[in-house]
């Protein structure tokens, strides 16, 4: 069979061309874009304690009724420190923020919010990162836009800046209905 040696000689060229195709295809993609299998689906079912009150438990049902941004943060995360002033600004403008303190120390996180300001209407404490795992979190900061019925509408990985808010997140957040029938959730800031 004379064609086998020719095929073996052409194999490296074929592999090179295939790899080049996939690398070239990836050049046009946004490196910040992180697809999420959770978009369009309900928030995972959870029971977590409040960061500020370890005797108080919260579930995904407690957050229904108003749209919110679920911000995954931690005291060990330097990018979270950079993002924090933008979160304070969003909270002051009436955006409902729920914190998810991820793989952190409760006392350190409380102290952090006491010193830096607390933009969250509530903060869930996730010391083992199990809710983060259920959400598909890779690290902090990550932010999810959740509608009033508790469905994830968008996922953003990275630091929220004023520009990110205005161009990417606000257009999605603003079109969500402000409440749902039978609202029993934690109230947004007034």
C-alpha atoms as a PDB file:
ATOM      1  CA  UNK A   1       0.000   0.000   0.000  1.00  0.00           C
ATOM      2  CA  UNK A   2       1.793   3.046  -1.299  1.00  0.00           C
ATOM      3  CA  UNK A   3      -0.618   5.651   0.101  1.00  0.00           C
ATOM      4  CA  UNK A   4       0.146   4.880   3.788  1.00  0.00           C
ATOM      5  CA  UNK A   5       3.611   6.510   3.863  1.00  0.00           C
ATOM      6  CA  UNK A   6       2.219   9.585   2.106  1.00  0.00           C
ATOM      7  CA  UNK A   7      -0.628   9.800   4.626  1.00  0.00           C
ATOM      8  CA  UNK A   8       1.803   9.517   7.552  1.00  0.00           C
ATOM      9  CA  UNK A   9       3.924  12.296   6.078  1.00  0.00           C
ATOM     10  CA  UNK A  10       0.834  14.516   5.636  1.00  0.00           C
ATOM     11  CA  UNK A  11      -0.504  13.867   9.153  1.00  0.00           C
ATOM     12  CA  UNK A  12       1.568  16.611  10.871  1.00  0.00           C
ATOM     13  CA  UNK A  13       0.362  19.131   8.276  1.00  0.00           C
ATOM     14  CA  UNK A  14      -3.266  18.091   8.823  1.00  0.00           C
ATOM     15  CA  UNK A  15      -2.925  18.403  12.614  1.00  0.00           C
ATOM     16  CA  UNK A  16      -1.224  21.802  12.238  1.00  0.00           C
ATOM     17  CA  UNK A  17      -3.999  23.096   9.974  1.00  0.00           C
ATOM     18  CA  UNK A  18      -6.723  21.904  12.373  1.00  0.00           C
ATOM     19  CA  UNK A  19      -5.014  23.532  15.368  1.00  0.00           C
ATOM     20  CA  UNK A  20      -4.506  26.747  13.407  1.00  0.00           C
ATOM     21  CA  UNK A  21      -8.192  26.834  12.516  1.00  0.00           C
ATOM     22  CA  UNK A  22      -9.325  26.550  16.161  1.00  0.00           C
ATOM     23  CA  UNK A  23      -6.750  29.067  17.409  1.00  0.00           C
ATOM     24  CA  UNK A  24      -7.734  31.557  14.700  1.00  0.00           C
ATOM     25  CA  UNK A  25     -11.421  31.058  15.531  1.00  0.00           C
ATOM     26  CA  UNK A  26     -10.711  31.868  19.204  1.00  0.00           C
ATOM     27  CA  UNK A  27      -9.031  35.187  18.384  1.00  0.00           C
ATOM     28  CA  UNK A  28     -12.374  36.857  17.729  1.00  0.00           C
ATOM     29  CA  UNK A  29     -13.888  35.876  21.080  1.00  0.00           C
ATOM     30  CA  UNK A  30     -14.035  38.052  24.193  1.00  0.00           C
ATOM     31  CA  UNK A  31     -11.709  36.551  26.851  1.00  0.00           C
ATOM     32  CA  UNK A  32     -14.027  37.945  29.593  1.00  0.00           C
ATOM     33  CA  UNK A  33     -17.007  36.023  28.204  1.00  0.00           C
ATOM     34  CA  UNK A  34     -17.821  33.027  30.365  1.00  0.00           C
ATOM     35  CA  UNK A  35     -20.880  31.129  29.146  1.00  0.00           C
ATOM     36  CA  UNK A  36     -23.091  29.806  31.895  1.00  0.00           C
ATOM     37  CA  UNK A  37     -25.384  26.825  31.745  1.00  0.00           C
ATOM     38  CA  UNK A  38     -27.394  28.535  34.501  1.00  0.00           C
ATOM     39  CA  UNK A  39     -28.573  31.499  32.400  1.00  0.00           C
ATOM     40  CA  UNK A  40     -32.334  31.224  31.921  1.00  0.00           C
ATOM     41  CA  UNK A  41     -32.636  28.726  34.758  1.00  0.00           C
ATOM     42  CA  UNK A  42     -33.724  29.202  38.384  1.00  0.00           C
ATOM     43  CA  UNK A  43     -31.191  30.019  41.068  1.00  0.00           C
ATOM     44  CA  UNK A  44     -29.960  26.788  42.650  1.00  0.00           C
ATOM     45  CA  UNK A  45     -31.886  25.739  45.735  1.00  0.00           C
ATOM     46  CA  UNK A  46     -29.930  26.714  48.838  1.00  0.00           C
ATOM     47  CA  UNK A  47     -30.100  27.359  52.551  1.00  0.00           C
ATOM     48  CA  UNK A  48     -27.338  29.670  53.777  1.00  0.00           C
ATOM     49  CA  UNK A  49     -26.799  31.678  56.913  1.00  0.00           C
ATOM     50  CA  UNK A  50     -26.677  35.436  56.826  1.00  0.00           C
ATOM     51  CA  UNK A  51     -23.148  36.818  57.068  1.00  0.00           C
ATOM     52  CA  UNK A  52     -24.264  39.268  59.745  1.00  0.00           C
ATOM     53  CA  UNK A  53     -26.477  36.909  61.759  1.00  0.00           C
ATOM     54  CA  UNK A  54     -25.348  33.273  61.899  1.00  0.00           C
ATOM     55  CA  UNK A  55     -28.667  32.301  63.530  1.00  0.00           C
ATOM     56  CA  UNK A  56     -30.636  33.577  60.504  1.00  0.00           C
ATOM     57  CA  UNK A  57     -30.986  31.246  57.522  1.00  0.00           C
ATOM     58  CA  UNK A  58     -31.934  32.333  54.035  1.00  0.00           C
ATOM     59  CA  UNK A  59     -33.122  30.334  51.054  1.00  0.00           C
ATOM     60  CA  UNK A  60     -33.435  31.106  47.365  1.00  0.00           C
ATOM     61  CA  UNK A  61     -37.183  31.670  47.984  1.00  0.00           C
ATOM     62  CA  UNK A  62     -36.371  34.555  50.371  1.00  0.00           C
ATOM     63  CA  UNK A  63     -34.784  36.471  47.501  1.00  0.00           C
ATOM     64  CA  UNK A  64     -37.731  36.223  45.087  1.00  0.00           C
ATOM     65  CA  UNK A  65     -39.997  39.178  44.431  1.00  0.00           C
ATOM     66  CA  UNK A  66     -37.542  41.776  43.118  1.00  0.00           C
ATOM     67  CA  UNK A  67     -34.700  41.572  40.598  1.00  0.00           C
ATOM     68  CA  UNK A  68     -31.195  41.700  42.037  1.00  0.00           C
ATOM     69  CA  UNK A  69     -27.513  41.420  41.331  1.00  0.00           C
ATOM     70  CA  UNK A  70     -25.901  38.505  43.171  1.00  0.00           C
ATOM     71  CA  UNK A  71     -22.296  39.578  43.683  1.00  0.00           C
ATOM     72  CA  UNK A  72     -19.762  36.872  44.584  1.00  0.00           C
ATOM     73  CA  UNK A  73     -16.976  38.436  46.669  1.00  0.00           C
ATOM     74  CA  UNK A  74     -14.379  37.684  49.342  1.00  0.00           C
ATOM     75  CA  UNK A  75     -11.912  39.550  51.533  1.00  0.00           C
ATOM     76  CA  UNK A  76      -9.008  37.595  49.979  1.00  0.00           C
ATOM     77  CA  UNK A  77      -9.942  38.889  46.517  1.00  0.00           C
ATOM     78  CA  UNK A  78      -7.971  42.009  45.463  1.00  0.00           C
ATOM     79  CA  UNK A  79     -10.290  42.609  42.491  1.00  0.00           C
ATOM     80  CA  UNK A  80     -13.255  42.719  44.888  1.00  0.00           C
ATOM     81  CA  UNK A  81     -11.604  45.627  46.692  1.00  0.00           C
ATOM     82  CA  UNK A  82     -11.275  47.451  43.368  1.00  0.00           C
ATOM     83  CA  UNK A  83     -14.932  46.735  42.554  1.00  0.00           C
ATOM     84  CA  UNK A  84     -16.335  47.757  45.952  1.00  0.00           C
ATOM     85  CA  UNK A  85     -16.759  51.528  45.320  1.00  0.00           C
ATOM     86  CA  UNK A  86     -18.817  50.779  42.195  1.00  0.00           C
ATOM     87  CA  UNK A  87     -21.062  48.458  44.217  1.00  0.00           C
ATOM     88  CA  UNK A  88     -21.591  51.173  46.832  1.00  0.00           C
ATOM     89  CA  UNK A  89     -22.558  53.574  44.037  1.00  0.00           C
ATOM     90  CA  UNK A  90     -25.009  51.064  42.552  1.00  0.00           C
ATOM     91  CA  UNK A  91     -26.622  50.476  45.941  1.00  0.00           C
ATOM     92  CA  UNK A  92     -27.004  54.234  46.454  1.00  0.00           C
ATOM     93  CA  UNK A  93     -28.741  54.490  43.082  1.00  0.00           C
ATOM     94  CA  UNK A  94     -31.310  51.874  44.146  1.00  0.00           C
ATOM     95  CA  UNK A  95     -29.911  48.702  42.578  1.00  0.00           C
ATOM     96  CA  UNK A  96     -30.731  45.702  44.760  1.00  0.00           C
ATOM     97  CA  UNK A  97     -27.485  43.888  45.577  1.00  0.00           C
ATOM     98  CA  UNK A  98     -27.239  40.538  47.346  1.00  0.00           C
ATOM     99  CA  UNK A  99     -23.756  39.490  48.398  1.00  0.00           C
ATOM    100  CA  UNK A 100     -22.404  35.971  48.323  1.00  0.00           C
ATOM    101  CA  UNK A 101     -19.376  35.882  50.599  1.00  0.00           C
ATOM    102  CA  UNK A 102     -17.399  33.077  48.992  1.00  0.00           C
ATOM    103  CA  UNK A 103     -14.891  30.763  50.741  1.00  0.00           C
ATOM    104  CA  UNK A 104     -14.134  33.377  53.359  1.00  0.00           C
ATOM    105  CA  UNK A 105     -13.894  33.979  57.090  1.00  0.00           C
ATOM    106  CA  UNK A 106     -17.074  35.378  58.669  1.00  0.00           C
ATOM    107  CA  UNK A 107     -15.301  37.819  61.022  1.00  0.00           C
ATOM    108  CA  UNK A 108     -12.971  39.110  58.314  1.00  0.00           C
ATOM    109  CA  UNK A 109     -15.912  39.638  55.940  1.00  0.00           C
ATOM    110  CA  UNK A 110     -17.967  41.493  58.565  1.00  0.00           C
ATOM    111  CA  UNK A 111     -15.002  43.721  59.365  1.00  0.00           C
ATOM    112  CA  UNK A 112     -14.411  44.385  55.659  1.00  0.00           C
ATOM    113  CA  UNK A 113     -17.995  45.598  55.163  1.00  0.00           C
ATOM    114  CA  UNK A 114     -17.883  47.620  58.370  1.00  0.00           C
ATOM    115  CA  UNK A 115     -14.745  49.472  57.208  1.00  0.00           C
ATOM    116  CA  UNK A 116     -15.496  49.759  53.472  1.00  0.00           C
ATOM    117  CA  UNK A 117     -19.289  50.166  53.597  1.00  0.00           C
ATOM    118  CA  UNK A 118     -21.979  47.582  52.982  1.00  0.00           C
ATOM    119  CA  UNK A 119     -23.732  47.823  49.605  1.00  0.00           C
ATOM    120  CA  UNK A 120     -25.766  44.627  50.122  1.00  0.00           C
ATOM    121  CA  UNK A 121     -29.364  44.351  51.322  1.00  0.00           C
ATOM    122  CA  UNK A 122     -28.316  40.880  52.472  1.00  0.00           C
ATOM    123  CA  UNK A 123     -25.150  38.805  52.335  1.00  0.00           C
ATOM    124  CA  UNK A 124     -25.165  35.028  52.152  1.00  0.00           C
ATOM    125  CA  UNK A 125     -22.261  33.281  53.863  1.00  0.00           C
ATOM    126  CA  UNK A 126     -20.795  30.442  51.750  1.00  0.00           C
ATOM    127  CA  UNK A 127     -17.606  29.381  53.591  1.00  0.00           C
ATOM    128  CA  UNK A 128     -17.194  26.064  51.747  1.00  0.00           C
ATOM    129  CA  UNK A 129     -18.171  27.557  48.387  1.00  0.00           C
ATOM    130  CA  UNK A 130     -21.006  25.078  47.796  1.00  0.00           C
ATOM    131  CA  UNK A 131     -23.482  27.648  46.429  1.00  0.00           C
ATOM    132  CA  UNK A 132     -20.671  29.073  44.335  1.00  0.00           C
ATOM    133  CA  UNK A 133     -20.043  25.576  42.991  1.00  0.00           C
ATOM    134  CA  UNK A 134     -23.746  25.150  42.172  1.00  0.00           C
ATOM    135  CA  UNK A 135     -23.619  28.458  40.266  1.00  0.00           C
ATOM    136  CA  UNK A 136     -20.495  27.440  38.358  1.00  0.00           C
ATOM    137  CA  UNK A 137     -18.360  30.166  39.958  1.00  0.00           C
ATOM    138  CA  UNK A 138     -14.685  30.118  38.967  1.00  0.00           C
ATOM    139  CA  UNK A 139     -13.594  32.769  41.458  1.00  0.00           C
ATOM    140  CA  UNK A 140     -14.388  36.231  42.675  1.00  0.00           C
ATOM    141  CA  UNK A 141     -15.715  38.644  41.665  1.00  0.00           C
ATOM    142  CA  UNK A 142     -18.566  37.277  39.607  1.00  0.00           C
ATOM    143  CA  UNK A 143     -22.021  38.787  39.328  1.00  0.00           C
ATOM    144  CA  UNK A 144     -25.340  37.271  38.312  1.00  0.00           C
ATOM    145  CA  UNK A 145     -28.435  39.238  37.321  1.00  0.00           C
ATOM    146  CA  UNK A 146     -31.467  37.446  38.744  1.00  0.00           C
ATOM    147  CA  UNK A 147     -35.075  38.350  37.893  1.00  0.00           C
ATOM    148  CA  UNK A 148     -37.976  38.738  40.361  1.00  0.00           C
ATOM    149  CA  UNK A 149     -38.976  35.090  39.878  1.00  0.00           C
ATOM    150  CA  UNK A 150     -35.474  33.895  40.774  1.00  0.00           C
ATOM    151  CA  UNK A 151     -34.206  33.057  37.261  1.00  0.00           C
ATOM    152  CA  UNK A 152     -30.640  33.892  36.304  1.00  0.00           C
ATOM    153  CA  UNK A 153     -30.667  36.287  33.357  1.00  0.00           C
ATOM    154  CA  UNK A 154     -26.965  37.066  32.935  1.00  0.00           C
ATOM    155  CA  UNK A 155     -23.538  36.213  34.309  1.00  0.00           C
ATOM    156  CA  UNK A 156     -20.605  38.610  34.406  1.00  0.00           C
ATOM    157  CA  UNK A 157     -17.077  37.570  35.384  1.00  0.00           C
ATOM    158  CA  UNK A 158     -14.729  40.304  36.540  1.00  0.00           C
ATOM    159  CA  UNK A 159     -14.788  43.731  38.123  1.00  0.00           C
ATOM    160  CA  UNK A 160     -17.918  45.833  37.715  1.00  0.00           C
ATOM    161  CA  UNK A 161     -16.951  49.377  36.759  1.00  0.00           C
ATOM    162  CA  UNK A 162     -19.218  52.263  35.856  1.00  0.00           C
ATOM    163  CA  UNK A 163     -18.585  51.491  32.172  1.00  0.00           C
ATOM    164  CA  UNK A 164     -19.410  47.785  32.604  1.00  0.00           C
ATOM    165  CA  UNK A 165     -22.579  48.718  34.468  1.00  0.00           C
ATOM    166  CA  UNK A 166     -23.708  51.230  31.840  1.00  0.00           C
ATOM    167  CA  UNK A 167     -22.874  49.172  28.747  1.00  0.00           C
ATOM    168  CA  UNK A 168     -23.438  45.552  29.753  1.00  0.00           C
ATOM    169  CA  UNK A 169     -25.374  45.094  32.992  1.00  0.00           C
ATOM    170  CA  UNK A 170     -27.763  48.048  33.296  1.00  0.00           C
ATOM    171  CA  UNK A 171     -29.523  47.399  29.956  1.00  0.00           C
ATOM    172  CA  UNK A 172     -30.371  43.864  31.153  1.00  0.00           C
ATOM    173  CA  UNK A 173     -31.278  44.885  34.713  1.00  0.00           C
ATOM    174  CA  UNK A 174     -33.450  47.814  33.592  1.00  0.00           C
ATOM    175  CA  UNK A 175     -35.769  45.722  31.427  1.00  0.00           C
ATOM    176  CA  UNK A 176     -36.626  43.300  34.241  1.00  0.00           C
ATOM    177  CA  UNK A 177     -39.978  43.858  35.985  1.00  0.00           C
ATOM    178  CA  UNK A 178     -39.354  45.487  39.382  1.00  0.00           C
ATOM    179  CA  UNK A 179     -41.441  42.958  41.331  1.00  0.00           C
ATOM    180  CA  UNK A 180     -43.458  39.797  40.996  1.00  0.00           C
ATOM    181  CA  UNK A 181     -46.931  38.922  42.303  1.00  0.00           C
ATOM    182  CA  UNK A 182     -46.994  37.583  45.844  1.00  0.00           C
ATOM    183  CA  UNK A 183     -43.732  39.321  46.735  1.00  0.00           C
ATOM    184  CA  UNK A 184     -42.438  38.107  50.096  1.00  0.00           C
ATOM    185  CA  UNK A 185     -38.752  38.814  49.627  1.00  0.00           C
ATOM    186  CA  UNK A 186     -36.233  41.004  51.348  1.00  0.00           C
ATOM    187  CA  UNK A 187     -37.053  44.552  50.331  1.00  0.00           C
ATOM    188  CA  UNK A 188     -34.734  46.514  48.037  1.00  0.00           C
ATOM    189  CA  UNK A 189     -33.129  49.689  49.344  1.00  0.00           C
ATOM    190  CA  UNK A 190     -35.357  52.774  49.263  1.00  0.00           C
END
